[in-house]
C-alpha atoms as a PDB file:
ATOM      1  CA  UNK A   1      16.926  34.942 -33.021  1.00  0.00           C
ATOM      2  CA  UNK A   2      13.708  34.321 -31.126  1.00  0.00           C
ATOM      3  CA  UNK A   3      13.732  31.457 -28.624  1.00  0.00           C
ATOM      4  CA  UNK A   4      11.590  28.430 -29.489  1.00  0.00           C
ATOM      5  CA  UNK A   5       8.581  28.211 -27.150  1.00  0.00           C
ATOM      6  CA  UNK A   6       6.494  25.040 -26.901  1.00  0.00           C
ATOM      7  CA  UNK A   7       2.960  24.801 -25.564  1.00  0.00           C
ATOM      8  CA  UNK A   8       1.317  21.793 -23.991  1.00  0.00           C
ATOM      9  CA  UNK A   9      -1.598  20.765 -21.834  1.00  0.00           C
ATOM     10  CA  UNK A  10      -0.713  20.498 -18.155  1.00  0.00           C
ATOM     11  CA  UNK A  11       0.705  17.178 -16.963  1.00  0.00           C
ATOM     12  CA  UNK A  12       1.176  16.138 -13.319  1.00  0.00           C
ATOM     13  CA  UNK A  13       4.923  16.521 -13.794  1.00  0.00           C
ATOM     14  CA  UNK A  14       4.312  20.271 -14.369  1.00  0.00           C
ATOM     15  CA  UNK A  15       2.756  20.796 -10.928  1.00  0.00           C
ATOM     16  CA  UNK A  16       5.808  22.208  -9.120  1.00  0.00           C
ATOM     17  CA  UNK A  17       6.434  24.699 -11.933  1.00  0.00           C
ATOM     18  CA  UNK A  18       2.760  25.680 -11.962  1.00  0.00           C
ATOM     19  CA  UNK A  19       2.824  26.234  -8.203  1.00  0.00           C
ATOM     20  CA  UNK A  20       6.049  28.269  -8.365  1.00  0.00           C
ATOM     21  CA  UNK A  21       4.663  30.560 -11.066  1.00  0.00           C
ATOM     22  CA  UNK A  22       1.240  30.668  -9.406  1.00  0.00           C
ATOM     23  CA  UNK A  23       2.798  32.074  -6.243  1.00  0.00           C
ATOM     24  CA  UNK A  24       4.183  34.942  -8.333  1.00  0.00           C
ATOM     25  CA  UNK A  25       0.751  35.668  -9.794  1.00  0.00           C
ATOM     26  CA  UNK A  26      -1.403  35.168  -6.716  1.00  0.00           C
ATOM     27  CA  UNK A  27       0.813  36.785  -4.095  1.00  0.00           C
ATOM     28  CA  UNK A  28      -1.892  36.803  -1.418  1.00  0.00           C
ATOM     29  CA  UNK A  29      -1.844  32.981  -1.211  1.00  0.00           C
ATOM     30  CA  UNK A  30       0.500  30.989   0.952  1.00  0.00           C
ATOM     31  CA  UNK A  31       2.221  28.022  -0.690  1.00  0.00           C
ATOM     32  CA  UNK A  32       0.163  25.311   1.005  1.00  0.00           C
ATOM     33  CA  UNK A  33      -3.150  27.078   0.357  1.00  0.00           C
ATOM     34  CA  UNK A  34      -2.324  27.655  -3.311  1.00  0.00           C
ATOM     35  CA  UNK A  35      -1.055  24.079  -3.713  1.00  0.00           C
ATOM     36  CA  UNK A  36      -4.366  22.823  -2.360  1.00  0.00           C
ATOM     37  CA  UNK A  37      -6.333  25.088  -4.726  1.00  0.00           C
ATOM     38  CA  UNK A  38      -4.256  24.096  -7.758  1.00  0.00           C
ATOM     39  CA  UNK A  39      -4.540  20.386  -6.942  1.00  0.00           C
ATOM     40  CA  UNK A  40      -8.314  20.797  -6.931  1.00  0.00           C
ATOM     41  CA  UNK A  41      -8.275  22.768 -10.195  1.00  0.00           C
ATOM     42  CA  UNK A  42      -6.027  20.194 -11.873  1.00  0.00           C
ATOM     43  CA  UNK A  43      -8.533  17.449 -11.098  1.00  0.00           C
ATOM     44  CA  UNK A  44     -11.564  19.178 -12.653  1.00  0.00           C
ATOM     45  CA  UNK A  45     -12.886  18.296 -16.108  1.00  0.00           C
ATOM     46  CA  UNK A  46     -14.129  21.812 -16.843  1.00  0.00           C
ATOM     47  CA  UNK A  47     -10.623  23.293 -16.740  1.00  0.00           C
ATOM     48  CA  UNK A  48      -7.839  23.557 -19.301  1.00  0.00           C
ATOM     49  CA  UNK A  49      -4.348  24.385 -18.064  1.00  0.00           C
ATOM     50  CA  UNK A  50      -1.708  25.242 -20.629  1.00  0.00           C
ATOM     51  CA  UNK A  51       2.040  25.381 -20.001  1.00  0.00           C
ATOM     52  CA  UNK A  52       4.662  27.210 -22.052  1.00  0.00           C
ATOM     53  CA  UNK A  53       8.265  25.985 -21.963  1.00  0.00           C
ATOM     54  CA  UNK A  54      11.449  27.460 -23.360  1.00  0.00           C
ATOM     55  CA  UNK A  55      14.021  25.644 -25.491  1.00  0.00           C
ATOM     56  CA  UNK A  56      15.592  24.197 -22.304  1.00  0.00           C
ATOM     57  CA  UNK A  57      12.225  22.598 -21.422  1.00  0.00           C
ATOM     58  CA  UNK A  58      11.766  24.946 -18.459  1.00  0.00           C
ATOM     59  CA  UNK A  59       8.233  26.175 -17.728  1.00  0.00           C
ATOM     60  CA  UNK A  60       8.008  29.910 -18.350  1.00  0.00           C
ATOM     61  CA  UNK A  61       4.262  30.511 -18.278  1.00  0.00           C
ATOM     62  CA  UNK A  62       0.821  29.070 -17.718  1.00  0.00           C
ATOM     63  CA  UNK A  63      -2.822  29.819 -18.316  1.00  0.00           C
ATOM     64  CA  UNK A  64      -5.933  28.366 -16.733  1.00  0.00           C
ATOM     65  CA  UNK A  65      -9.256  28.385 -18.559  1.00  0.00           C
ATOM     66  CA  UNK A  66     -12.553  27.146 -17.174  1.00  0.00           C
ATOM     67  CA  UNK A  67     -16.124  26.697 -18.262  1.00  0.00           C
ATOM     68  CA  UNK A  68     -18.564  28.437 -15.974  1.00  0.00           C
ATOM     69  CA  UNK A  69     -22.210  27.478 -15.791  1.00  0.00           C
ATOM     70  CA  UNK A  70     -23.060  30.221 -13.292  1.00  0.00           C
ATOM     71  CA  UNK A  71     -23.573  33.844 -14.292  1.00  0.00           C
ATOM     72  CA  UNK A  72     -20.559  35.649 -15.696  1.00  0.00           C
ATOM     73  CA  UNK A  73     -20.864  39.432 -15.501  1.00  0.00           C
ATOM     74  CA  UNK A  74     -22.128  40.762 -18.842  1.00  0.00           C
ATOM     75  CA  UNK A  75     -22.199  37.403 -20.645  1.00  0.00           C
ATOM     76  CA  UNK A  76     -25.011  36.748 -23.118  1.00  0.00           C
ATOM     77  CA  UNK A  77     -25.442  33.059 -22.290  1.00  0.00           C
ATOM     78  CA  UNK A  78     -23.980  30.069 -20.510  1.00  0.00           C
ATOM     79  CA  UNK A  79     -21.769  28.180 -20.548  1.00  0.00           C
ATOM     80  CA  UNK A  80     -19.177  30.940 -20.581  1.00  0.00           C
ATOM     81  CA  UNK A  81     -15.442  30.488 -20.822  1.00  0.00           C
ATOM     82  CA  UNK A  82     -13.303  32.092 -18.167  1.00  0.00           C
ATOM     83  CA  UNK A  83      -9.649  33.034 -18.009  1.00  0.00           C
ATOM     84  CA  UNK A  84      -8.900  32.112 -14.411  1.00  0.00           C
ATOM     85  CA  UNK A  85      -5.232  33.003 -14.523  1.00  0.00           C
ATOM     86  CA  UNK A  86      -2.410  33.742 -16.910  1.00  0.00           C
ATOM     87  CA  UNK A  87       1.265  34.265 -16.133  1.00  0.00           C
ATOM     88  CA  UNK A  88       4.454  34.617 -18.161  1.00  0.00           C
ATOM     89  CA  UNK A  89       7.873  34.996 -16.543  1.00  0.00           C
ATOM     90  CA  UNK A  90       8.984  38.648 -16.898  1.00  0.00           C
ATOM     91  CA  UNK A  91      11.973  37.965 -19.165  1.00  0.00           C
ATOM     92  CA  UNK A  92       9.685  36.182 -21.670  1.00  0.00           C
ATOM     93  CA  UNK A  93       6.914  38.776 -21.814  1.00  0.00           C
ATOM     94  CA  UNK A  94       6.081  40.709 -24.980  1.00  0.00           C
ATOM     95  CA  UNK A  95       6.874  37.672 -27.144  1.00  0.00           C
ATOM     96  CA  UNK A  96       3.277  36.704 -27.908  1.00  0.00           C
ATOM     97  CA  UNK A  97       3.086  33.929 -25.309  1.00  0.00           C
ATOM     98  CA  UNK A  98      -0.026  35.266 -23.569  1.00  0.00           C
ATOM     99  CA  UNK A  99      -1.656  35.888 -26.937  1.00  0.00           C
ATOM    100  CA  UNK A 100      -0.957  32.280 -27.954  1.00  0.00           C
ATOM    101  CA  UNK A 101      -2.343  31.027 -24.639  1.00  0.00           C
ATOM    102  CA  UNK A 102      -5.531  32.976 -25.304  1.00  0.00           C
ATOM    103  CA  UNK A 103      -5.836  31.603 -28.854  1.00  0.00           C
ATOM    104  CA  UNK A 104      -5.422  28.036 -27.603  1.00  0.00           C
ATOM    105  CA  UNK A 105      -7.850  28.582 -24.731  1.00  0.00           C
ATOM    106  CA  UNK A 106     -10.455  30.094 -27.025  1.00  0.00           C
ATOM    107  CA  UNK A 107     -10.147  27.147 -29.418  1.00  0.00           C
ATOM    108  CA  UNK A 108     -10.771  24.745 -26.526  1.00  0.00           C
ATOM    109  CA  UNK A 109     -13.715  26.805 -25.244  1.00  0.00           C
ATOM    110  CA  UNK A 110     -15.347  26.809 -28.680  1.00  0.00           C
ATOM    111  CA  UNK A 111     -15.330  22.996 -28.630  1.00  0.00           C
ATOM    112  CA  UNK A 112     -17.237  23.239 -25.328  1.00  0.00           C
ATOM    113  CA  UNK A 113     -19.972  25.480 -26.841  1.00  0.00           C
ATOM    114  CA  UNK A 114     -18.702  28.718 -25.308  1.00  0.00           C
ATOM    115  CA  UNK A 115     -19.134  31.872 -27.380  1.00  0.00           C
ATOM    116  CA  UNK A 116     -17.645  34.330 -24.887  1.00  0.00           C
ATOM    117  CA  UNK A 117     -14.821  34.428 -22.390  1.00  0.00           C
ATOM    118  CA  UNK A 118     -14.696  36.419 -19.183  1.00  0.00           C
ATOM    119  CA  UNK A 119     -11.925  37.325 -16.797  1.00  0.00           C
ATOM    120  CA  UNK A 120     -11.377  39.550 -13.786  1.00  0.00           C
ATOM    121  CA  UNK A 121      -8.758  41.459 -11.878  1.00  0.00           C
ATOM    122  CA  UNK A 122      -8.643  43.870  -8.975  1.00  0.00           C
ATOM    123  CA  UNK A 123      -9.823  47.415  -9.638  1.00  0.00           C
ATOM    124  CA  UNK A 124      -6.434  48.726  -8.514  1.00  0.00           C
ATOM    125  CA  UNK A 125      -4.384  46.362 -10.733  1.00  0.00           C
ATOM    126  CA  UNK A 126      -3.771  48.826 -13.545  1.00  0.00           C
ATOM    127  CA  UNK A 127      -1.152  46.617 -15.245  1.00  0.00           C
ATOM    128  CA  UNK A 128      -3.562  43.679 -15.460  1.00  0.00           C
ATOM    129  CA  UNK A 129      -6.380  45.919 -16.707  1.00  0.00           C
ATOM    130  CA  UNK A 130      -4.134  47.239 -19.494  1.00  0.00           C
ATOM    131  CA  UNK A 131      -3.060  43.686 -20.363  1.00  0.00           C
ATOM    132  CA  UNK A 132      -6.667  42.471 -20.624  1.00  0.00           C
ATOM    133  CA  UNK A 133      -7.606  45.361 -22.925  1.00  0.00           C
ATOM    134  CA  UNK A 134      -4.533  44.735 -25.060  1.00  0.00           C
ATOM    135  CA  UNK A 135      -5.561  41.109 -25.704  1.00  0.00           C
ATOM    136  CA  UNK A 136      -9.116  42.014 -26.648  1.00  0.00           C
ATOM    137  CA  UNK A 137     -11.172  42.125 -23.445  1.00  0.00           C
ATOM    138  CA  UNK A 138     -13.337  45.091 -22.545  1.00  0.00           C
ATOM    139  CA  UNK A 139     -14.269  46.203 -19.067  1.00  0.00           C
ATOM    140  CA  UNK A 140     -17.812  45.110 -18.331  1.00  0.00           C
ATOM    141  CA  UNK A 141     -18.326  46.495 -14.847  1.00  0.00           C
ATOM    142  CA  UNK A 142     -16.585  47.738 -11.726  1.00  0.00           C
ATOM    143  CA  UNK A 143     -17.622  46.188  -8.439  1.00  0.00           C
ATOM    144  CA  UNK A 144     -16.780  46.904  -4.836  1.00  0.00           C
ATOM    145  CA  UNK A 145     -17.481  44.181  -2.271  1.00  0.00           C
ATOM    146  CA  UNK A 146     -18.585  45.007   1.264  1.00  0.00           C
ATOM    147  CA  UNK A 147     -18.544  42.990   4.456  1.00  0.00           C
ATOM    148  CA  UNK A 148     -19.905  43.666   7.932  1.00  0.00           C
ATOM    149  CA  UNK A 149     -19.511  41.661  11.111  1.00  0.00           C
ATOM    150  CA  UNK A 150     -22.747  40.756  12.831  1.00  0.00           C
ATOM    151  CA  UNK A 151     -22.523  41.373  16.525  1.00  0.00           C
END
């Protein structure tokens, strides 16, 4: 029997769970830096954070959607929706949770006049690239960033 999963919009009481899962997704962030970033994100009106919980009311996944007014690579017009992050605990993957997150996020974005949704990942993150393609994204471009110190 499949476990009952519930979905809700982020509440302040979900913050610790969001941070804990966020640290698993964004491994290059320290806890305090990510907490600061997430606190900022949680306070914005152009963001939608969704939380999935199991039958024991334990958070098992999250997704963060935003509305971007700036240019999104390959988008036809603005505003453009953006999948900022999505995470499902490993033992709950392949149960349609990410797909449901995307459906809910897209519904919200449509109410905000978005007709497309973008996302990104690192070029070397093959697992994430496969995941994005599986849920309906296509690769728009590959980009390498450069930096040089000025002496």
